[in-house]
Amino acid sequence: MHSLVSILLPLLSVIPSTISQSSGTFNTLTFNVAGLPAILNDNAVPGDKTANTARIGRLFTQHNISLIHVQEDFNYHATLYANDQHPHRTPTSGGVPVGSGLNSLSNFPWTGFERVKWEKCSTFEGADCLTPKGFTFMRVNFGQGVWIDAYNLHADAGTTAADLAARASNLRQVSNYINTHSTGNPVLVFGDSNTRYTRTGDIPNIFSTANGMKDAWIELIRGGVAPQPGTDALLCDNPSPNSTCEVVDKVWYRGSPAVDLRAVRLQYAGAKFLQENGAILSDHNPVLVDFAWRLK
């Protein structure tokens, strides 16, 4: 009997770890970190940009967020990384005017990282052609056999006809890339879309209609009903005390035949990212989303 127990116990100890690999959780954050040189744009944020960026990096580590996509990570990038401790981080593509400002910080490893420049940009309001803005792609390993394609984007800003056309082109470019490179895969798209459901001419629903994805804000906060173009703008304070207003920082996602992926909580996390005196660190509300996955 003793020999039988000694054989079975090691086998039984393996079972919980095997079961745990069939499901899991993680969270994501999209945050425009206002990293343009202060002489070009102070982003209406008080204080010193270097000090503010250092605090953002420390808060990234403190909150232990699984996967972070940042935008406008330009000339203060070294400070951001010097104060962050995520084990996996993308190398910078440079400051203004050579870099895209897009980077990712993760607790999970990835493969296949790529940077893609927009095919179309506009200079009418946002000087969007000043830097090679675009989107990034990576395939993130969230668990044994669980790979999710993650996209970070920073779309054209502005509201002129040229800006609207450029931004629509940007989102179509990402959508087409997903259809080519992520067929049959679970997908996350989150970043600064500069788009609003309430703005006539914007196309934030393209990932739903063309890629079978859900907008986490529409699903969890709006009960599945998107605001109509031309309605009240639902503009947010910064930091926003609630998530019922609309920001341009979006999170879209889908599962796959192999992986059930669900967004379970969304919050505007501006209150988690403030200066020590309570002032804002960026002109954007960061968006934090909790996800749960399960192998089918």
Protein backbone atom coordinates (compact mmCIF):
# COMPACT_ATOMS: atom_id res chain seq x y z
CA MET A 1 0.00 0.00 0.00
CA HIS A 2 2.80 2.38 0.88
CA SER A 3 4.45 1.91 -2.51
CA LEU A 4 1.12 2.55 -4.27
CA VAL A 5 0.62 5.84 -2.38
CA SER A 6 4.15 6.92 -3.17
CA ILE A 7 3.38 6.39 -6.85
CA LEU A 8 -0.02 8.12 -6.88
CA LEU A 9 0.86 11.23 -4.88
CA PRO A 10 3.28 12.68 -7.48
CA LEU A 11 0.69 12.04 -10.18
CA LEU A 12 -2.07 13.74 -8.24
CA SER A 13 0.11 16.76 -7.58
CA VAL A 14 0.34 17.35 -11.34
CA ILE A 15 -3.43 17.53 -11.88
CA PRO A 16 -4.12 21.06 -10.46
CA SER A 17 -1.43 22.69 -12.62
CA THR A 18 -2.79 20.93 -15.71
CA ILE A 19 -6.32 22.12 -14.99
CA SER A 20 -5.15 25.69 -14.30
CA GLN A 21 -3.74 25.93 -17.83
CA SER A 22 -7.22 25.59 -19.34
CA SER A 23 -8.33 29.05 -18.15
CA GLY A 24 -6.91 32.28 -16.84
CA THR A 25 -7.21 36.04 -16.50
CA PHE A 26 -5.22 39.11 -17.48
CA ASN A 27 -5.78 42.83 -17.84
CA THR A 28 -4.83 45.45 -20.41
CA LEU A 29 -4.24 49.19 -20.29
CA THR A 30 -4.16 51.68 -23.13
CA PHE A 31 -2.58 55.01 -22.21
CA ASN A 32 -1.49 57.99 -24.29
CA VAL A 33 1.42 59.14 -22.12
CA ALA A 34 1.73 62.66 -23.62
CA GLY A 35 5.39 62.20 -24.50
CA LEU A 36 5.72 64.87 -27.18
CA PRO A 37 8.49 67.37 -26.37
CA ALA A 38 7.09 70.08 -24.12
CA ILE A 39 8.17 72.75 -26.60
CA LEU A 40 5.88 71.18 -29.23
CA ASN A 41 2.90 70.29 -27.02
CA ASP A 42 2.48 70.63 -23.27
CA ASN A 43 -0.78 68.63 -23.50
CA ALA A 44 -2.27 71.06 -20.94
CA VAL A 45 -0.68 68.90 -18.25
CA PRO A 46 0.90 70.72 -15.27
CA GLY A 47 4.36 69.94 -14.01
CA ASP A 48 7.57 68.67 -15.61
CA LYS A 49 7.19 66.05 -18.32
CA THR A 50 10.24 64.08 -17.25
CA ALA A 51 8.98 63.85 -13.67
CA ASN A 52 5.47 62.99 -14.88
CA THR A 53 6.78 60.24 -17.15
CA ALA A 54 8.86 58.78 -14.32
CA ARG A 55 5.75 58.58 -12.15
CA ILE A 56 3.81 56.88 -14.96
CA GLY A 57 6.53 54.23 -15.17
CA ARG A 58 6.45 53.63 -11.42
CA LEU A 59 2.65 53.35 -11.45
CA PHE A 60 2.82 50.84 -14.32
CA THR A 61 4.92 48.65 -12.05
CA GLN A 62 2.84 49.33 -8.93
CA HIS A 63 -0.44 48.36 -10.57
CA ASN A 64 1.14 45.24 -12.15
CA ILE A 65 -0.90 45.41 -15.36
CA SER A 66 -0.52 42.41 -17.66
CA LEU A 67 -0.22 44.17 -21.03
CA ILE A 68 0.13 47.92 -21.57
CA HIS A 69 -0.04 49.74 -24.90
CA VAL A 70 1.26 53.32 -24.81
CA GLN A 71 1.00 56.05 -27.43
CA GLU A 72 2.99 59.29 -27.78
CA ASP A 73 5.92 57.60 -26.06
CA PHE A 74 8.43 59.86 -27.79
CA ASN A 75 11.15 61.92 -26.16
CA TYR A 76 10.73 60.70 -22.56
CA HIS A 77 10.87 57.00 -23.40
CA ALA A 78 14.11 56.31 -21.52
CA THR A 79 12.60 57.81 -18.37
CA LEU A 80 9.47 55.68 -18.72
CA TYR A 81 11.43 52.43 -19.02
CA ALA A 82 13.90 53.38 -16.29
CA ASN A 83 11.01 53.52 -13.82
CA ASP A 84 9.07 50.47 -15.04
CA GLN A 85 9.84 46.83 -14.27
CA HIS A 86 7.76 44.84 -16.78
CA PRO A 87 9.93 41.95 -18.03
CA HIS A 88 8.92 42.27 -21.69
CA ARG A 89 9.06 45.67 -23.45
CA THR A 90 9.31 46.79 -27.05
CA PRO A 91 12.39 48.75 -28.15
CA THR A 92 11.63 52.36 -29.00
CA SER A 93 11.45 53.44 -32.62
CA GLY A 94 12.76 56.88 -31.59
CA GLY A 95 11.58 60.31 -30.59
CA VAL A 96 10.07 63.01 -32.77
CA PRO A 97 10.22 62.99 -35.78
CA VAL A 98 11.54 59.47 -36.47
CA GLY A 99 9.48 57.35 -34.05
CA SER A 100 5.83 56.28 -33.99
CA GLY A 101 5.41 56.74 -30.23
CA LEU A 102 3.94 53.24 -29.95
CA ASN A 103 5.33 50.81 -27.38
CA SER A 104 4.17 47.88 -25.27
CA LEU A 105 5.06 46.67 -21.78
CA SER A 106 4.04 43.17 -20.73
CA ASN A 107 4.24 40.50 -18.06
CA PHE A 108 3.87 37.92 -20.85
CA PRO A 109 6.26 37.13 -23.73
CA TRP A 110 5.37 37.70 -27.36
CA THR A 111 6.60 36.93 -30.84
CA GLY A 112 6.31 38.40 -34.34
CA PHE A 113 6.45 42.07 -33.34
CA GLU A 114 5.94 44.46 -36.26
CA ARG A 115 5.50 48.19 -36.77
CA VAL A 116 3.28 49.35 -39.64
CA LYS A 117 3.03 52.95 -40.84
CA TRP A 118 -0.29 54.48 -41.89
CA GLU A 119 -0.92 54.57 -45.61
CA LYS A 120 -2.68 57.90 -45.21
CA CYS A 121 -2.25 60.85 -42.83
CA SER A 122 -3.47 64.44 -42.57
CA THR A 123 -1.79 67.64 -41.43
CA PHE A 124 -4.89 69.84 -41.22
CA GLU A 125 -5.36 69.86 -37.44
CA GLY A 126 -3.07 67.42 -35.69
CA ALA A 127 0.18 67.53 -37.69
CA ASP A 128 -0.18 63.76 -37.88
CA CYS A 129 2.35 63.45 -40.70
CA LEU A 130 5.09 64.86 -38.47
CA THR A 131 5.91 61.36 -37.19
CA PRO A 132 5.46 57.89 -38.77
CA LYS A 133 2.34 57.05 -36.79
CA GLY A 134 0.62 53.75 -37.39
CA PHE A 135 0.01 50.52 -35.50
CA THR A 136 1.95 47.59 -34.07
CA PHE A 137 1.30 43.85 -34.09
CA MET A 138 2.45 41.16 -31.66
CA ARG A 139 1.34 37.63 -30.77
CA VAL A 140 1.25 37.37 -26.98
CA ASN A 141 1.56 34.10 -25.05
CA PHE A 142 -0.91 34.38 -22.12
CA GLY A 143 -0.72 30.69 -21.19
CA GLN A 144 0.22 27.25 -22.43
CA GLY A 145 -1.16 27.11 -25.96
CA VAL A 146 -2.90 30.49 -25.56
CA TRP A 147 -1.69 33.04 -28.11
CA ILE A 148 -3.62 36.27 -28.69
CA ASP A 149 -2.84 38.76 -31.45
CA ALA A 150 -2.53 42.22 -29.91
CA TYR A 151 -2.61 45.47 -31.88
CA ASN A 152 -1.64 48.95 -30.64
CA LEU A 153 -2.74 51.95 -32.71
CA HIS A 154 -2.64 55.73 -32.76
CA ALA A 155 -4.96 57.01 -35.46
CA ASP A 156 -5.09 60.42 -37.16
CA ALA A 157 -6.47 63.26 -35.04
CA GLY A 158 -8.63 66.22 -36.03
CA THR A 159 -12.18 66.72 -37.28
CA THR A 160 -11.77 68.27 -40.75
CA ALA A 161 -12.91 66.27 -43.78
CA ALA A 162 -9.28 65.38 -44.51
CA ASP A 163 -8.76 64.18 -40.94
CA LEU A 164 -11.92 62.08 -40.98
CA ALA A 165 -10.88 60.48 -44.27
CA ALA A 166 -7.36 59.74 -42.98
CA ARG A 167 -8.67 58.27 -39.72
CA ALA A 168 -11.17 56.05 -41.53
CA SER A 169 -8.33 54.86 -43.77
CA ASN A 170 -6.24 54.09 -40.66
CA LEU A 171 -8.92 51.90 -39.11
CA ARG A 172 -9.60 50.12 -42.42
CA GLN A 173 -5.87 49.42 -42.71
CA VAL A 174 -5.82 47.71 -39.29
CA SER A 175 -9.02 45.82 -40.13
CA ASN A 176 -7.55 44.55 -43.39
CA TYR A 177 -4.33 43.55 -41.61
CA ILE A 178 -6.35 41.53 -39.08
CA ASN A 179 -8.18 39.73 -41.88
CA THR A 180 -4.83 38.85 -43.47
CA HIS A 181 -2.62 38.07 -40.47
CA SER A 182 -5.01 37.04 -37.67
CA THR A 183 -7.47 34.75 -39.44
CA GLY A 184 -8.98 32.35 -36.92
CA ASN A 185 -7.03 33.86 -34.00
CA PRO A 186 -8.23 35.64 -30.86
CA VAL A 187 -7.50 39.36 -31.22
CA LEU A 188 -7.09 42.46 -29.03
CA VAL A 189 -7.05 45.94 -30.57
CA PHE A 190 -6.51 48.79 -28.12
CA GLY A 191 -4.99 52.24 -28.34
CA ASP A 192 -5.71 55.88 -29.13
CA SER A 193 -8.22 55.61 -31.97
CA ASN A 194 -9.06 59.36 -32.00
CA THR A 195 -12.52 58.19 -33.05
CA ARG A 196 -15.96 58.55 -31.48
CA TYR A 197 -19.27 56.79 -32.04
CA THR A 198 -20.98 60.15 -31.62
CA ARG A 199 -18.95 61.85 -34.37
CA THR A 200 -20.45 61.69 -37.84
CA GLY A 201 -17.83 60.44 -40.28
CA ASP A 202 -15.95 58.20 -37.84
CA ILE A 203 -16.12 54.41 -38.28
CA PRO A 204 -15.38 52.79 -34.88
CA ASN A 205 -17.77 49.94 -35.70
CA ILE A 206 -15.53 48.60 -38.50
CA PHE A 207 -13.91 46.00 -36.23
CA SER A 208 -17.36 44.69 -35.37
CA THR A 209 -18.68 44.54 -38.92
CA ALA A 210 -15.48 43.42 -40.69
CA ASN A 211 -13.63 41.43 -38.01
CA GLY A 212 -16.28 40.00 -35.68
CA MET A 213 -15.02 41.93 -32.66
CA LYS A 214 -16.70 43.57 -29.67
CA ASP A 215 -16.03 47.01 -28.21
CA ALA A 216 -15.51 46.41 -24.48
CA TRP A 217 -17.00 49.81 -23.59
CA ILE A 218 -20.13 49.20 -25.66
CA GLU A 219 -20.53 45.70 -24.23
CA LEU A 220 -19.84 46.33 -20.54
CA ILE A 221 -20.88 49.95 -19.99
CA ARG A 222 -23.46 50.63 -22.71
CA GLY A 223 -25.26 47.29 -22.54
CA GLY A 224 -24.39 46.51 -26.14
CA VAL A 225 -25.92 49.71 -27.56
CA ALA A 226 -23.58 52.20 -29.22
CA PRO A 227 -24.39 55.94 -29.14
CA GLN A 228 -25.58 57.26 -32.47
CA PRO A 229 -23.54 59.64 -34.66
CA GLY A 230 -24.58 63.24 -34.22
CA THR A 231 -25.91 62.73 -30.69
CA ASP A 232 -24.49 64.45 -27.62
CA ALA A 233 -20.73 63.99 -27.50
CA LEU A 234 -20.71 62.39 -24.02
CA LEU A 235 -17.37 64.05 -23.34
CA CYS A 236 -15.39 62.98 -20.27
CA ASP A 237 -13.72 64.87 -17.48
CA ASN A 238 -10.08 64.04 -16.79
CA PRO A 239 -9.85 62.03 -14.68
CA SER A 240 -13.33 60.76 -15.31
CA PRO A 241 -15.32 59.69 -12.22
CA ASN A 242 -17.25 57.15 -14.32
CA SER A 243 -17.02 55.22 -17.58
CA THR A 244 -20.38 56.20 -19.09
CA CYS A 245 -18.90 59.06 -21.13
CA GLU A 246 -16.93 58.37 -24.31
CA VAL A 247 -13.16 58.61 -24.77
CA VAL A 248 -11.19 58.11 -27.97
CA ASP A 249 -9.09 55.40 -26.32
CA LYS A 250 -10.80 52.15 -27.34
CA VAL A 251 -10.58 48.42 -26.68
CA TRP A 252 -11.91 45.88 -29.19
CA TYR A 253 -11.56 42.10 -28.86
CA ARG A 254 -12.70 38.69 -30.06
CA GLY A 255 -12.12 35.06 -29.18
CA SER A 256 -11.56 32.15 -31.55
CA PRO A 257 -12.73 28.57 -32.11
CA ALA A 258 -9.99 27.47 -29.70
CA VAL A 259 -10.05 30.26 -27.09
CA ASP A 260 -13.10 31.74 -25.40
CA LEU A 261 -12.18 35.35 -24.56
CA ARG A 262 -14.41 37.65 -22.49
CA ALA A 263 -14.06 41.20 -21.22
CA VAL A 264 -15.36 41.16 -17.65
CA ARG A 265 -14.66 44.70 -16.41
CA LEU A 266 -13.82 48.10 -17.93
CA GLN A 267 -12.86 51.26 -16.07
CA TYR A 268 -11.40 54.62 -16.92
CA ALA A 269 -8.34 54.51 -14.72
CA GLY A 270 -7.37 58.18 -14.60
CA ALA A 271 -7.66 58.20 -10.80
CA LYS A 272 -4.96 55.51 -10.67
CA PHE A 273 -2.54 57.68 -12.67
CA LEU A 274 -2.20 61.06 -10.99
CA GLN A 275 0.67 63.19 -9.77
CA GLU A 276 1.33 63.13 -6.04
CA ASN A 277 -0.53 66.45 -5.72
CA GLY A 278 -3.55 64.99 -7.50
CA ALA A 279 -2.92 66.66 -10.89
CA ILE A 280 -3.25 64.68 -14.11
CA LEU A 281 -0.28 62.99 -15.78
CA SER A 282 -1.72 63.02 -19.31
CA ASP A 283 -4.50 64.65 -21.28
CA HIS A 284 -6.00 61.15 -21.83
CA ASN A 285 -7.92 58.90 -19.48
CA PRO A 286 -6.19 55.49 -19.43
CA VAL A 287 -8.58 52.61 -20.08
CA LEU A 288 -8.17 49.42 -18.02
CA VAL A 289 -9.96 46.20 -19.01
CA ASP A 290 -9.99 42.84 -17.20
CA PHE A 291 -10.24 39.73 -19.41
CA ALA A 292 -10.92 36.05 -18.79
CA TRP A 293 -9.96 33.30 -21.21
CA ARG A 294 -10.81 29.60 -21.40
CA LEU A 295 -9.61 26.91 -23.76
CA LYS A 296 -12.54 25.35 -25.56
